[in-house]
C-alpha atoms as a PDB file:
ATOM      1  CA  MET A   1     225.217  95.657 217.563  1.00  0.00           C
ATOM      2  CA  ALA A   2     224.523  99.389 217.652  1.00  0.00           C
ATOM      3  CA  ASN A   3     221.945 100.767 220.018  1.00  0.00           C
ATOM      4  CA  ASP A   4     220.465 103.677 218.067  1.00  0.00           C
ATOM      5  CA  ASP A   5     217.384 103.308 215.833  1.00  0.00           C
ATOM      6  CA  ALA A   6     219.172 104.640 212.731  1.00  0.00           C
ATOM      7  CA  ASP A   7     221.397 101.550 212.621  1.00  0.00           C
ATOM      8  CA  ARG A   8     218.601  99.029 213.171  1.00  0.00           C
ATOM      9  CA  GLY A   9     216.308  97.598 210.550  1.00  0.00           C
ATOM     10  CA  ARG A  10     218.611  97.870 207.544  1.00  0.00           C
ATOM     11  CA  ALA A  11     217.379  96.396 204.277  1.00  0.00           C
ATOM     12  CA  ASP A  12     219.779  96.423 201.343  1.00  0.00           C
ATOM     13  CA  GLY A  13     222.007  98.921 203.145  1.00  0.00           C
ATOM     14  CA  VAL A  14     219.211 101.433 203.749  1.00  0.00           C
ATOM     15  CA  SER A  15     218.314 102.363 207.319  1.00  0.00           C
ATOM     16  CA  LEU A  16     214.805 102.429 208.717  1.00  0.00           C
ATOM     17  CA  ASP A  17     215.111 106.183 209.147  1.00  0.00           C
ATOM     18  CA  GLU A  18     216.061 106.605 205.490  1.00  0.00           C
ATOM     19  CA  LEU A  19     213.101 104.503 204.413  1.00  0.00           C
ATOM     20  CA  ARG A  20     210.785 106.547 206.628  1.00  0.00           C
ATOM     21  CA  GLU A  21     212.149 109.753 205.098  1.00  0.00           C
ATOM     22  CA  GLU A  22     211.372 108.365 201.665  1.00  0.00           C
ATOM     23  CA  ILE A  23     207.806 107.574 202.770  1.00  0.00           C
ATOM     24  CA  GLU A  24     207.471 111.168 204.045  1.00  0.00           C
ATOM     25  CA  GLU A  25     208.529 112.501 200.648  1.00  0.00           C
ATOM     26  CA  ILE A  26     206.095 110.207 198.853  1.00  0.00           C
ATOM     27  CA  ASP A  27     203.290 111.253 201.220  1.00  0.00           C
ATOM     28  CA  SER A  28     204.027 114.900 200.472  1.00  0.00           C
ATOM     29  CA  ASP A  29     203.965 114.165 196.733  1.00  0.00           C
ATOM     30  CA  LEU A  30     200.628 112.368 197.113  1.00  0.00           C
ATOM     31  CA  VAL A  31     199.091 115.328 198.925  1.00  0.00           C
ATOM     32  CA  GLU A  32     200.378 117.689 196.234  1.00  0.00           C
ATOM     33  CA  LEU A  33     198.866 115.500 193.517  1.00  0.00           C
ATOM     34  CA  ILE A  34     195.532 115.329 195.365  1.00  0.00           C
ATOM     35  CA  ALA A  35     195.560 119.134 195.629  1.00  0.00           C
ATOM     36  CA  ARG A  36     196.250 119.432 191.879  1.00  0.00           C
ATOM     37  CA  ARG A  37     193.486 116.955 191.088  1.00  0.00           C
ATOM     38  CA  THR A  38     191.068 118.807 193.347  1.00  0.00           C
ATOM     39  CA  TYR A  39     191.905 122.118 191.659  1.00  0.00           C
ATOM     40  CA  VAL A  40     191.218 120.662 188.206  1.00  0.00           C
ATOM     41  CA  ALA A  41     188.013 119.011 189.456  1.00  0.00           C
ATOM     42  CA  ASP A  42     186.887 122.385 190.844  1.00  0.00           C
ATOM     43  CA  THR A  43     187.577 123.949 187.457  1.00  0.00           C
ATOM     44  CA  ILE A  44     185.496 121.228 185.810  1.00  0.00           C
ATOM     45  CA  ALA A  45     182.726 121.951 188.307  1.00  0.00           C
ATOM     46  CA  GLY A  46     182.779 125.601 187.220  1.00  0.00           C
ATOM     47  CA  VAL A  47     182.424 124.607 183.576  1.00  0.00           C
ATOM     48  CA  LYS A  48     179.551 122.264 184.459  1.00  0.00           C
ATOM     49  CA  ALA A  49     177.811 125.033 186.387  1.00  0.00           C
ATOM     50  CA  GLU A  50     178.227 127.520 183.498  1.00  0.00           C
ATOM     51  CA  ARG A  51     176.788 125.000 181.053  1.00  0.00           C
ATOM     52  CA  ASP A  52     174.090 123.829 183.469  1.00  0.00           C
ATOM     53  CA  LEU A  53     175.399 120.259 183.297  1.00  0.00           C
ATOM     54  CA  PRO A  54     174.697 117.693 186.010  1.00  0.00           C
ATOM     55  CA  THR A  55     177.258 117.194 188.776  1.00  0.00           C
ATOM     56  CA  THR A  56     177.372 113.451 188.163  1.00  0.00           C
ATOM     57  CA  ASP A  57     178.655 111.966 184.919  1.00  0.00           C
ATOM     58  CA  GLU A  58     178.505 108.213 185.392  1.00  0.00           C
ATOM     59  CA  SER A  59     180.222 107.386 182.093  1.00  0.00           C
ATOM     60  CA  GLN A  60     183.158 109.658 182.985  1.00  0.00           C
ATOM     61  CA  GLU A  61     183.334 108.152 186.473  1.00  0.00           C
ATOM     62  CA  GLN A  62     183.472 104.688 184.923  1.00  0.00           C
ATOM     63  CA  ARG A  63     186.303 105.769 182.620  1.00  0.00           C
ATOM     64  CA  VAL A  64     188.223 107.093 185.640  1.00  0.00           C
ATOM     65  CA  MET A  65     187.685 103.827 187.528  1.00  0.00           C
ATOM     66  CA  ASP A  66     188.703 101.726 184.530  1.00  0.00           C
ATOM     67  CA  ARG A  67     191.850 103.813 184.083  1.00  0.00           C
ATOM     68  CA  ALA A  68     192.640 103.511 187.794  1.00  0.00           C
ATOM     69  CA  GLY A  69     192.335  99.730 187.539  1.00  0.00           C
ATOM     70  CA  ARG A  70     194.641  99.585 184.513  1.00  0.00           C
ATOM     71  CA  ASN A  71     197.195 101.815 186.222  1.00  0.00           C
ATOM     72  CA  ALA A  72     197.065  99.650 189.341  1.00  0.00           C
ATOM     73  CA  GLU A  73     197.753  96.549 187.274  1.00  0.00           C
ATOM     74  CA  GLN A  74     200.602  98.269 185.430  1.00  0.00           C
ATOM     75  CA  PHE A  75     202.305  99.140 188.722  1.00  0.00           C
ATOM     76  CA  GLU A  76     201.346  95.840 190.381  1.00  0.00           C
ATOM     77  CA  VAL A  77     199.245  97.491 193.069  1.00  0.00           C
ATOM     78  CA  ASP A  78     196.013  96.017 194.406  1.00  0.00           C
ATOM     79  CA  SER A  79     193.350  97.184 191.950  1.00  0.00           C
ATOM     80  CA  ASN A  80     190.580  97.167 194.570  1.00  0.00           C
ATOM     81  CA  LEU A  81     192.608  99.440 196.841  1.00  0.00           C
ATOM     82  CA  VAL A  82     193.367 101.904 194.048  1.00  0.00           C
ATOM     83  CA  LYS A  83     189.746 101.935 192.900  1.00  0.00           C
ATOM     84  CA  ALA A  84     188.581 102.557 196.477  1.00  0.00           C
ATOM     85  CA  ILE A  85     190.893 105.565 196.733  1.00  0.00           C
ATOM     86  CA  PHE A  86     189.628 106.943 193.423  1.00  0.00           C
ATOM     87  CA  ARG A  87     186.006 106.343 194.416  1.00  0.00           C
ATOM     88  CA  LEU A  88     186.659 108.408 197.548  1.00  0.00           C
ATOM     89  CA  LEU A  89     188.290 111.206 195.532  1.00  0.00           C
ATOM     90  CA  ILE A  90     185.366 111.257 193.096  1.00  0.00           C
ATOM     91  CA  GLU A  91     182.788 111.330 195.884  1.00  0.00           C
ATOM     92  CA  LEU A  92     184.590 114.156 197.689  1.00  0.00           C
ATOM     93  CA  ASN A  93     184.721 116.172 194.450  1.00  0.00           C
ATOM     94  CA  LYS A  94     181.006 115.615 193.849  1.00  0.00           C
ATOM     95  CA  VAL A  95     180.146 116.773 197.363  1.00  0.00           C
ATOM     96  CA  GLU A  96     182.182 119.954 196.817  1.00  0.00           C
ATOM     97  CA  GLN A  97     180.533 120.530 193.440  1.00  0.00           C
ATOM     98  CA  ARG A  98     177.048 120.210 194.931  1.00  0.00           C
ATOM     99  CA  GLU A  99     177.897 122.521 197.836  1.00  0.00           C
ATOM    100  CA  ASN A 100     179.301 125.203 195.522  1.00  0.00           C
ATOM    101  CA  ARG A 101     176.278 125.339 193.211  1.00  0.00           C
END
């Protein structure tokens, strides 16, 4: 049995290090997607401010949550976890929108 970490923990011929590298790439992709979402949300906030619309749009938030739940089910991910993440993203965007008004 080899002594270095790269040879331990193989699953289907993939080393632990390779799996961790894949997680790093996914994490980077997630951060990029959050940044893109935040940019678009900021743009929406600008439109709301120009049109003197309220920061909160409960019907839109519900549509986002419903869509998140459907996507979670499609990819067989825990719906409650996905919805919690989206709730956090929505709340953070609303805080930014209020602070920038």
